[in-house]
Amino acid sequence: MTAKDIKKEIRAAILQFGEYNFFDKGLYETMDTGKIKQALVAMDAAKCADTLEGVLKLDKKYGGRFVQGMLMELDDQEEEFWDGLMEREALADLY
């Protein structure tokens, strides 16, 4: 799953559930976070971090909210994987 794929998922969630629900209810109520998480954890930490940073760059309006929520989903991963994500300042700032 690429950053562009995730942006498409975000836009589909906004169209289906609305901006209010995306921000207020969160990712879990508006998106299939399990599918996205599974794709991200199948990557190594550097590729996952690149993908999340790509979402931030591609989607200025909704990307930050998505990445913030997804980091909450990913914080149960192995320490080495998690540390690889937190080495990226843009990601650490959102967590």
PDB file of N, CA and C in Angstrom:
ATOM      1  N   MET A   1       0.856  -1.182   0.000  1.00  0.00           N
ATOM      2  CA  MET A   1       0.000   0.000   0.000  1.00  0.00           C
ATOM      3  C   MET A   1       0.895   1.236   0.000  1.00  0.00           C
ATOM      4  N   THR A   2       0.607   2.133  -0.899  1.00  0.00           N
ATOM      5  CA  THR A   2       1.411   3.346  -1.035  1.00  0.00           C
ATOM      6  C   THR A   2       0.706   4.529  -0.370  1.00  0.00           C
ATOM      7  N   ALA A   3       1.423   5.624  -0.276  1.00  0.00           N
ATOM      8  CA  ALA A   3       0.827   6.850   0.257  1.00  0.00           C
ATOM      9  C   ALA A   3      -0.351   7.290  -0.616  1.00  0.00           C
ATOM     10  N   LYS A   4      -0.240   7.107  -1.922  1.00  0.00           N
ATOM     11  CA  LYS A   4      -1.349   7.462  -2.821  1.00  0.00           C
ATOM     12  C   LYS A   4      -2.564   6.581  -2.563  1.00  0.00           C
ATOM     13  N   ASP A   5      -2.334   5.302  -2.311  1.00  0.00           N
ATOM     14  CA  ASP A   5      -3.447   4.393  -1.986  1.00  0.00           C
ATOM     15  C   ASP A   5      -4.148   4.837  -0.706  1.00  0.00           C
ATOM     16  N   ILE A   6      -3.353   5.219   0.278  1.00  0.00           N
ATOM     17  CA  ILE A   6      -3.929   5.657   1.554  1.00  0.00           C
ATOM     18  C   ILE A   6      -4.698   6.955   1.367  1.00  0.00           C
ATOM     19  N   LYS A   7      -4.166   7.857   0.560  1.00  0.00           N
ATOM     20  CA  LYS A   7      -4.890   9.103   0.298  1.00  0.00           C
ATOM     21  C   LYS A   7      -6.250   8.804  -0.326  1.00  0.00           C
ATOM     22  N   LYS A   8      -6.302   7.843  -1.234  1.00  0.00           N
ATOM     23  CA  LYS A   8      -7.577   7.449  -1.841  1.00  0.00           C
ATOM     24  C   LYS A   8      -8.531   6.904  -0.780  1.00  0.00           C
ATOM     25  N   GLU A   9      -8.005   6.114   0.156  1.00  0.00           N
ATOM     26  CA  GLU A   9      -8.828   5.567   1.242  1.00  0.00           C
ATOM     27  C   GLU A   9      -9.372   6.697   2.124  1.00  0.00           C
ATOM     28  N   ILE A  10      -8.527   7.678   2.400  1.00  0.00           N
ATOM     29  CA  ILE A  10      -8.957   8.824   3.210  1.00  0.00           C
ATOM     30  C   ILE A  10     -10.074   9.568   2.495  1.00  0.00           C
ATOM     31  N   ARG A  11      -9.883   9.845   1.223  1.00  0.00           N
ATOM     32  CA  ARG A  11     -10.889  10.584   0.457  1.00  0.00           C
ATOM     33  C   ARG A  11     -12.202   9.803   0.372  1.00  0.00           C
ATOM     34  N   ALA A  12     -12.124   8.493   0.229  1.00  0.00           N
ATOM     35  CA  ALA A  12     -13.346   7.669   0.199  1.00  0.00           C
ATOM     36  C   ALA A  12     -14.075   7.752   1.532  1.00  0.00           C
ATOM     37  N   ALA A  13     -13.330   7.745   2.626  1.00  0.00           N
ATOM     38  CA  ALA A  13     -13.945   7.852   3.960  1.00  0.00           C
ATOM     39  C   ALA A  13     -14.619   9.209   4.137  1.00  0.00           C
ATOM     40  N   ILE A  14     -13.972  10.261   3.666  1.00  0.00           N
ATOM     41  CA  ILE A  14     -14.555  11.604   3.762  1.00  0.00           C
ATOM     42  C   ILE A  14     -15.846  11.674   2.945  1.00  0.00           C
ATOM     43  N   LEU A  15     -15.826  11.120   1.747  1.00  0.00           N
ATOM     44  CA  LEU A  15     -17.016  11.136   0.896  1.00  0.00           C
ATOM     45  C   LEU A  15     -18.165  10.338   1.513  1.00  0.00           C
ATOM     46  N   GLN A  16     -17.832   9.201   2.102  1.00  0.00           N
ATOM     47  CA  GLN A  16     -18.880   8.340   2.654  1.00  0.00           C
ATOM     48  C   GLN A  16     -19.408   8.836   3.996  1.00  0.00           C
ATOM     49  N   PHE A  17     -18.519   9.266   4.885  1.00  0.00           N
ATOM     50  CA  PHE A  17     -18.913   9.583   6.256  1.00  0.00           C
ATOM     51  C   PHE A  17     -18.879  11.066   6.594  1.00  0.00           C
ATOM     52  N   GLY A  18     -18.224  11.860   5.765  1.00  0.00           N
ATOM     53  CA  GLY A  18     -18.134  13.287   6.001  1.00  0.00           C
ATOM     54  C   GLY A  18     -16.918  13.683   6.811  1.00  0.00           C
ATOM     55  N   GLU A  19     -16.541  14.920   6.629  1.00  0.00           N
ATOM     56  CA  GLU A  19     -15.364  15.466   7.309  1.00  0.00           C
ATOM     57  C   GLU A  19     -15.539  15.469   8.825  1.00  0.00           C
ATOM     58  N   TYR A  20     -16.722  15.839   9.288  1.00  0.00           N
ATOM     59  CA  TYR A  20     -16.963  15.890  10.734  1.00  0.00           C
ATOM     60  C   TYR A  20     -16.676  14.534  11.370  1.00  0.00           C
ATOM     61  N   ASN A  21     -17.236  13.469  10.820  1.00  0.00           N
ATOM     62  CA  ASN A  21     -17.031  12.147  11.392  1.00  0.00           C
ATOM     63  C   ASN A  21     -15.580  11.708  11.312  1.00  0.00           C
ATOM     64  N   PHE A  22     -14.903  12.056  10.238  1.00  0.00           N
ATOM     65  CA  PHE A  22     -13.496  11.687  10.102  1.00  0.00           C
ATOM     66  C   PHE A  22     -12.682  12.291  11.239  1.00  0.00           C
ATOM     67  N   PHE A  23     -12.934  13.550  11.549  1.00  0.00           N
ATOM     68  CA  PHE A  23     -12.179  14.203  12.616  1.00  0.00           C
ATOM     69  C   PHE A  23     -12.721  13.879  14.001  1.00  0.00           C
ATOM     70  N   ASP A  24     -14.022  13.819  14.148  1.00  0.00           N
ATOM     71  CA  ASP A  24     -14.622  13.629  15.471  1.00  0.00           C
ATOM     72  C   ASP A  24     -14.639  12.167  15.901  1.00  0.00           C
ATOM     73  N   LYS A  25     -15.107  11.287  15.054  1.00  0.00           N
ATOM     74  CA  LYS A  25     -15.223   9.869  15.409  1.00  0.00           C
ATOM     75  C   LYS A  25     -13.900   9.141  15.274  1.00  0.00           C
ATOM     76  N   GLY A  26     -13.086   9.596  14.358  1.00  0.00           N
ATOM     77  CA  GLY A  26     -11.776   8.988  14.187  1.00  0.00           C
ATOM     78  C   GLY A  26     -11.711   7.974  13.060  1.00  0.00           C
ATOM     79  N   LEU A  27     -10.520   7.471  12.852  1.00  0.00           N
ATOM     80  CA  LEU A  27     -10.267   6.539  11.764  1.00  0.00           C
ATOM     81  C   LEU A  27     -11.061   5.256  11.907  1.00  0.00           C
ATOM     82  N   TYR A  28     -11.196   4.782  13.126  1.00  0.00           N
ATOM     83  CA  TYR A  28     -11.792   3.474  13.383  1.00  0.00           C
ATOM     84  C   TYR A  28     -13.256   3.424  12.974  1.00  0.00           C
ATOM     85  N   GLU A  29     -13.918   4.558  12.988  1.00  0.00           N
ATOM     86  CA  GLU A  29     -15.325   4.620  12.620  1.00  0.00           C
ATOM     87  C   GLU A  29     -15.530   4.890  11.131  1.00  0.00           C
ATOM     88  N   THR A  30     -14.486   5.341  10.456  1.00  0.00           N
ATOM     89  CA  THR A  30     -14.662   5.776   9.066  1.00  0.00           C
ATOM     90  C   THR A  30     -13.799   5.022   8.052  1.00  0.00           C
ATOM     91  N   MET A  31     -12.854   4.227   8.518  1.00  0.00           N
ATOM     92  CA  MET A  31     -11.942   3.546   7.595  1.00  0.00           C
ATOM     93  C   MET A  31     -11.677   2.119   8.063  1.00  0.00           C
ATOM     94  N   ASP A  32     -11.196   1.284   7.148  1.00  0.00           N
ATOM     95  CA  ASP A  32     -10.766  -0.063   7.494  1.00  0.00           C
ATOM     96  C   ASP A  32      -9.303   0.018   7.938  1.00  0.00           C
ATOM     97  N   THR A  33      -9.109   0.409   9.188  1.00  0.00           N
ATOM     98  CA  THR A  33      -7.751   0.603   9.693  1.00  0.00           C
ATOM     99  C   THR A  33      -6.981  -0.705   9.786  1.00  0.00           C
ATOM    100  N   GLY A  34      -7.684  -1.800   9.999  1.00  0.00           N
ATOM    101  CA  GLY A  34      -7.003  -3.092  10.093  1.00  0.00           C
ATOM    102  C   GLY A  34      -6.271  -3.454   8.817  1.00  0.00           C
ATOM    103  N   LYS A  35      -6.916  -3.220   7.678  1.00  0.00           N
ATOM    104  CA  LYS A  35      -6.310  -3.517   6.378  1.00  0.00           C
ATOM    105  C   LYS A  35      -5.069  -2.643   6.161  1.00  0.00           C
ATOM    106  N   ILE A  36      -5.180  -1.381   6.505  1.00  0.00           N
ATOM    107  CA  ILE A  36      -4.056  -0.458   6.305  1.00  0.00           C
ATOM    108  C   ILE A  36      -2.920  -0.801   7.261  1.00  0.00           C
ATOM    109  N   LYS A  37      -3.255  -1.067   8.517  1.00  0.00           N
ATOM    110  CA  LYS A  37      -2.220  -1.435   9.497  1.00  0.00           C
ATOM    111  C   LYS A  37      -1.482  -2.692   9.050  1.00  0.00           C
ATOM    112  N   GLN A  38      -2.220  -3.681   8.591  1.00  0.00           N
ATOM    113  CA  GLN A  38      -1.612  -4.924   8.135  1.00  0.00           C
ATOM    114  C   GLN A  38      -0.612  -4.664   7.009  1.00  0.00           C
ATOM    115  N   ALA A  39      -0.977  -3.802   6.083  1.00  0.00           N
ATOM    116  CA  ALA A  39      -0.074  -3.466   4.977  1.00  0.00           C
ATOM    117  C   ALA A  39       1.162  -2.729   5.485  1.00  0.00           C
ATOM    118  N   LEU A  40       0.983  -1.828   6.440  1.00  0.00           N
ATOM    119  CA  LEU A  40       2.111  -1.045   6.960  1.00  0.00           C
ATOM    120  C   LEU A  40       3.077  -1.906   7.768  1.00  0.00           C
ATOM    121  N   VAL A  41       2.575  -2.808   8.594  1.00  0.00           N
ATOM    122  CA  VAL A  41       3.474  -3.626   9.418  1.00  0.00           C
ATOM    123  C   VAL A  41       4.170  -4.708   8.592  1.00  0.00           C
ATOM    124  N   ALA A  42       3.663  -4.982   7.390  1.00  0.00           N
ATOM    125  CA  ALA A  42       4.347  -5.928   6.501  1.00  0.00           C
ATOM    126  C   ALA A  42       5.610  -5.307   5.905  1.00  0.00           C
ATOM    127  N   MET A  43       5.701  -3.983   5.986  1.00  0.00           N
ATOM    128  CA  MET A  43       6.878  -3.258   5.492  1.00  0.00           C
ATOM    129  C   MET A  43       7.932  -3.222   6.598  1.00  0.00           C
ATOM    130  N   ASP A  44       9.167  -2.885   6.214  1.00  0.00           N
ATOM    131  CA  ASP A  44      10.137  -2.606   7.274  1.00  0.00           C
ATOM    132  C   ASP A  44       9.852  -1.192   7.793  1.00  0.00           C
ATOM    133  N   ALA A  45      10.442  -0.854   8.912  1.00  0.00           N
ATOM    134  CA  ALA A  45      10.141   0.417   9.580  1.00  0.00           C
ATOM    135  C   ALA A  45      10.430   1.623   8.690  1.00  0.00           C
ATOM    136  N   ALA A  46      11.521   1.579   7.949  1.00  0.00           N
ATOM    137  CA  ALA A  46      11.883   2.716   7.090  1.00  0.00           C
ATOM    138  C   ALA A  46      10.847   2.915   5.991  1.00  0.00           C
ATOM    139  N   LYS A  47      10.399   1.840   5.372  1.00  0.00           N
ATOM    140  CA  LYS A  47       9.396   1.943   4.304  1.00  0.00           C
ATOM    141  C   LYS A  47       8.057   2.404   4.866  1.00  0.00           C
ATOM    142  N   CYS A  48       7.693   1.899   6.029  1.00  0.00           N
ATOM    143  CA  CYS A  48       6.457   2.331   6.689  1.00  0.00           C
ATOM    144  C   CYS A  48       6.522   3.825   7.002  1.00  0.00           C
ATOM    145  N   ALA A  49       7.652   4.269   7.549  1.00  0.00           N
ATOM    146  CA  ALA A  49       7.824   5.685   7.865  1.00  0.00           C
ATOM    147  C   ALA A  49       7.764   6.538   6.595  1.00  0.00           C
ATOM    148  N   ASP A  50       8.393   6.063   5.528  1.00  0.00           N
ATOM    149  CA  ASP A  50       8.339   6.785   4.253  1.00  0.00           C
ATOM    150  C   ASP A  50       6.897   6.913   3.770  1.00  0.00           C
ATOM    151  N   THR A  51       6.137   5.842   3.911  1.00  0.00           N
ATOM    152  CA  THR A  51       4.745   5.842   3.468  1.00  0.00           C
ATOM    153  C   THR A  51       3.920   6.830   4.283  1.00  0.00           C
ATOM    154  N   LEU A  52       4.077   6.798   5.597  1.00  0.00           N
ATOM    155  CA  LEU A  52       3.324   7.727   6.448  1.00  0.00           C
ATOM    156  C   LEU A  52       3.711   9.177   6.170  1.00  0.00           C
ATOM    157  N   GLU A  53       5.004   9.424   5.986  1.00  0.00           N
ATOM    158  CA  GLU A  53       5.435  10.780   5.643  1.00  0.00           C
ATOM    159  C   GLU A  53       4.893  11.184   4.270  1.00  0.00           C
ATOM    160  N   GLY A  54       4.788  10.224   3.361  1.00  0.00           N
ATOM    161  CA  GLY A  54       4.211  10.494   2.054  1.00  0.00           C
ATOM    162  C   GLY A  54       2.754  10.918   2.159  1.00  0.00           C
ATOM    163  N   VAL A  55       2.011  10.293   3.078  1.00  0.00           N
ATOM    164  CA  VAL A  55       0.621  10.682   3.300  1.00  0.00           C
ATOM    165  C   VAL A  55       0.561  12.128   3.782  1.00  0.00           C
ATOM    166  N   LEU A  56       1.465  12.495   4.679  1.00  0.00           N
ATOM    167  CA  LEU A  56       1.498  13.878   5.177  1.00  0.00           C
ATOM    168  C   LEU A  56       1.751  14.863   4.043  1.00  0.00           C
ATOM    169  N   LYS A  57       2.627  14.507   3.123  1.00  0.00           N
ATOM    170  CA  LYS A  57       2.957  15.396   2.015  1.00  0.00           C
ATOM    171  C   LYS A  57       1.845  15.469   0.973  1.00  0.00           C
ATOM    172  N   LEU A  58       1.195  14.339   0.715  1.00  0.00           N
ATOM    173  CA  LEU A  58       0.160  14.289  -0.320  1.00  0.00           C
ATOM    174  C   LEU A  58      -1.171  14.881   0.118  1.00  0.00           C
ATOM    175  N   ASP A  59      -1.445  14.797   1.404  1.00  0.00           N
ATOM    176  CA  ASP A  59      -2.765  15.218   1.886  1.00  0.00           C
ATOM    177  C   ASP A  59      -2.599  16.157   3.081  1.00  0.00           C
ATOM    178  N   LYS A  60      -2.431  17.421   2.761  1.00  0.00           N
ATOM    179  CA  LYS A  60      -2.189  18.435   3.800  1.00  0.00           C
ATOM    180  C   LYS A  60      -3.375  18.590   4.752  1.00  0.00           C
ATOM    181  N   LYS A  61      -4.581  18.412   4.262  1.00  0.00           N
ATOM    182  CA  LYS A  61      -5.766  18.656   5.087  1.00  0.00           C
ATOM    183  C   LYS A  61      -6.086  17.496   6.027  1.00  0.00           C
ATOM    184  N   TYR A  62      -6.024  16.269   5.521  1.00  0.00           N
ATOM    185  CA  TYR A  62      -6.446  15.112   6.315  1.00  0.00           C
ATOM    186  C   TYR A  62      -5.303  14.181   6.708  1.00  0.00           C
ATOM    187  N   GLY A  63      -4.156  14.332   6.075  1.00  0.00           N
ATOM    188  CA  GLY A  63      -3.037  13.418   6.306  1.00  0.00           C
ATOM    189  C   GLY A  63      -2.559  13.367   7.739  1.00  0.00           C
ATOM    190  N   GLY A  64      -2.483  14.528   8.381  1.00  0.00           N
ATOM    191  CA  GLY A  64      -2.013  14.563   9.770  1.00  0.00           C
ATOM    192  C   GLY A  64      -2.927  13.792  10.703  1.00  0.00           C
ATOM    193  N   ARG A  65      -4.222  13.947  10.515  1.00  0.00           N
ATOM    194  CA  ARG A  65      -5.184  13.217  11.356  1.00  0.00           C
ATOM    195  C   ARG A  65      -5.073  11.720  11.125  1.00  0.00           C
ATOM    196  N   PHE A  66      -4.902  11.330   9.862  1.00  0.00           N
ATOM    197  CA  PHE A  66      -4.746   9.916   9.553  1.00  0.00           C
ATOM    198  C   PHE A  66      -3.480   9.360  10.201  1.00  0.00           C
ATOM    199  N   VAL A  67      -2.356  10.028   9.989  1.00  0.00           N
ATOM    200  CA  VAL A  67      -1.077   9.535  10.512  1.00  0.00           C
ATOM    201  C   VAL A  67      -1.116   9.472  12.033  1.00  0.00           C
ATOM    202  N   GLN A  68      -1.680  10.466  12.664  1.00  0.00           N
ATOM    203  CA  GLN A  68      -1.787  10.463  14.122  1.00  0.00           C
ATOM    204  C   GLN A  68      -2.564   9.234  14.606  1.00  0.00           C
ATOM    205  N   GLY A  69      -3.695   8.975  13.991  1.00  0.00           N
ATOM    206  CA  GLY A  69      -4.489   7.815  14.365  1.00  0.00           C
ATOM    207  C   GLY A  69      -3.793   6.498  14.072  1.00  0.00           C
ATOM    208  N   MET A  70      -3.115   6.429  12.942  1.00  0.00           N
ATOM    209  CA  MET A  70      -2.422   5.193  12.588  1.00  0.00           C
ATOM    210  C   MET A  70      -1.238   4.937  13.511  1.00  0.00           C
ATOM    211  N   LEU A  71      -0.556   5.977  13.946  1.00  0.00           N
ATOM    212  CA  LEU A  71       0.530   5.784  14.913  1.00  0.00           C
ATOM    213  C   LEU A  71       0.000   5.190  16.207  1.00  0.00           C
ATOM    214  N   MET A  72      -1.188   5.581  16.613  1.00  0.00           N
ATOM    215  CA  MET A  72      -1.795   4.992  17.812  1.00  0.00           C
ATOM    216  C   MET A  72      -2.034   3.497  17.599  1.00  0.00           C
ATOM    217  N   GLU A  73      -2.394   3.131  16.367  1.00  0.00           N
ATOM    218  CA  GLU A  73      -2.596   1.722  16.020  1.00  0.00           C
ATOM    219  C   GLU A  73      -1.272   0.954  15.996  1.00  0.00           C
ATOM    220  N   LEU A  74      -0.211   1.625  15.595  1.00  0.00           N
ATOM    221  CA  LEU A  74       1.079   0.954  15.410  1.00  0.00           C
ATOM    222  C   LEU A  74       1.936   0.905  16.660  1.00  0.00           C
ATOM    223  N   ASP A  75       1.510   1.553  17.738  1.00  0.00           N
ATOM    224  CA  ASP A  75       2.389   1.615  18.912  1.00  0.00           C
ATOM    225  C   ASP A  75       2.518   0.297  19.666  1.00  0.00           C
ATOM    226  N   ASP A  76       1.846  -0.745  19.197  1.00  0.00           N
ATOM    227  CA  ASP A  76       1.988  -2.065  19.822  1.00  0.00           C
ATOM    228  C   ASP A  76       2.986  -2.958  19.078  1.00  0.00           C
ATOM    229  N   GLN A  77       3.671  -2.392  18.111  1.00  0.00           N
ATOM    230  CA  GLN A  77       4.631  -3.171  17.321  1.00  0.00           C
ATOM    231  C   GLN A  77       5.941  -3.376  18.093  1.00  0.00           C
ATOM    232  N   GLU A  78       6.768  -4.254  17.556  1.00  0.00           N
ATOM    233  CA  GLU A  78       8.074  -4.533  18.156  1.00  0.00           C
ATOM    234  C   GLU A  78       8.846  -3.233  18.347  1.00  0.00           C
ATOM    235  N   GLU A  79       9.653  -3.188  19.376  1.00  0.00           N
ATOM    236  CA  GLU A  79      10.383  -1.974  19.733  1.00  0.00           C
ATOM    237  C   GLU A  79      11.252  -1.451  18.589  1.00  0.00           C
ATOM    238  N   GLU A  80      11.917  -2.340  17.897  1.00  0.00           N
ATOM    239  CA  GLU A  80      12.796  -1.920  16.799  1.00  0.00           C
ATOM    240  C   GLU A  80      11.988  -1.229  15.691  1.00  0.00           C
ATOM    241  N   PHE A  81      10.831  -1.785  15.364  1.00  0.00           N
ATOM    242  CA  PHE A  81       9.956  -1.196  14.350  1.00  0.00           C
ATOM    243  C   PHE A  81       9.474   0.173  14.821  1.00  0.00           C
ATOM    244  N   TRP A  82       8.978   0.226  16.042  1.00  0.00           N
ATOM    245  CA  TRP A  82       8.448   1.474  16.600  1.00  0.00           C
ATOM    246  C   TRP A  82       9.528   2.553  16.662  1.00  0.00           C
ATOM    247  N   ASP A  83      10.706   2.173  17.120  1.00  0.00           N
ATOM    248  CA  ASP A  83      11.809   3.137  17.199  1.00  0.00           C
ATOM    249  C   ASP A  83      12.162   3.681  15.817  1.00  0.00           C
ATOM    250  N   GLY A  84      12.068   2.819  14.797  1.00  0.00           N
ATOM    251  CA  GLY A  84      12.325   3.268  13.426  1.00  0.00           C
ATOM    252  C   GLY A  84      11.337   4.334  12.978  1.00  0.00           C
ATOM    253  N   LEU A  85      10.099   4.221  13.430  1.00  0.00           N
ATOM    254  CA  LEU A  85       9.107   5.247  13.111  1.00  0.00           C
ATOM    255  C   LEU A  85       9.388   6.533  13.874  1.00  0.00           C
ATOM    256  N   MET A  86       9.701   6.397  15.136  1.00  0.00           N
ATOM    257  CA  MET A  86       9.882   7.573  15.998  1.00  0.00           C
ATOM    258  C   MET A  86      11.171   8.330  15.716  1.00  0.00           C
ATOM    259  N   GLU A  87      12.066   7.738  14.924  1.00  0.00           N
ATOM    260  CA  GLU A  87      13.268   8.462  14.497  1.00  0.00           C
ATOM    261  C   GLU A  87      12.922   9.592  13.536  1.00  0.00           C
ATOM    262  N   ARG A  88      11.754   9.503  12.924  1.00  0.00           N
ATOM    263  CA  ARG A  88      11.311  10.529  11.979  1.00  0.00           C
ATOM    264  C   ARG A  88      10.601  11.641  12.745  1.00  0.00           C
ATOM    265  N   GLU A  89      11.163  12.813  12.689  1.00  0.00           N
ATOM    266  CA  GLU A  89      10.629  13.947  13.462  1.00  0.00           C
ATOM    267  C   GLU A  89       9.161  14.239  13.152  1.00  0.00           C
ATOM    268  N   ALA A  90       8.793  14.180  11.887  1.00  0.00           N
ATOM    269  CA  ALA A  90       7.410  14.472  11.512  1.00  0.00           C
ATOM    270  C   ALA A  90       6.436  13.491  12.151  1.00  0.00           C
ATOM    271  N   LEU A  91       6.844  12.231  12.281  1.00  0.00           N
ATOM    272  CA  LEU A  91       5.989  11.224  12.890  1.00  0.00           C
ATOM    273  C   LEU A  91       5.983  11.357  14.411  1.00  0.00           C
ATOM    274  N   ALA A  92       7.153  11.555  14.983  1.00  0.00           N
ATOM    275  CA  ALA A  92       7.246  11.703  16.436  1.00  0.00           C
ATOM    276  C   ALA A  92       6.440  12.895  16.923  1.00  0.00           C
ATOM    277  N   ASP A  93       6.428  13.970  16.163  1.00  0.00           N
ATOM    278  CA  ASP A  93       5.667  15.166  16.535  1.00  0.00           C
ATOM    279  C   ASP A  93       4.168  14.895  16.580  1.00  0.00           C
ATOM    280  N   LEU A  94       3.691  13.979  15.749  1.00  0.00           N
ATOM    281  CA  LEU A  94       2.259  13.673  15.725  1.00  0.00           C
ATOM    282  C   LEU A  94       1.844  12.670  16.807  1.00  0.00           C
ATOM    283  N   TYR A  95       2.818  11.944  17.334  1.00  0.00           N
ATOM    284  CA  TYR A  95       2.502  10.965  18.369  1.00  0.00           C
ATOM    285  C   TYR A  95       2.471  11.650  19.723  1.00  0.00           C
TER     286      TYR A  95
END
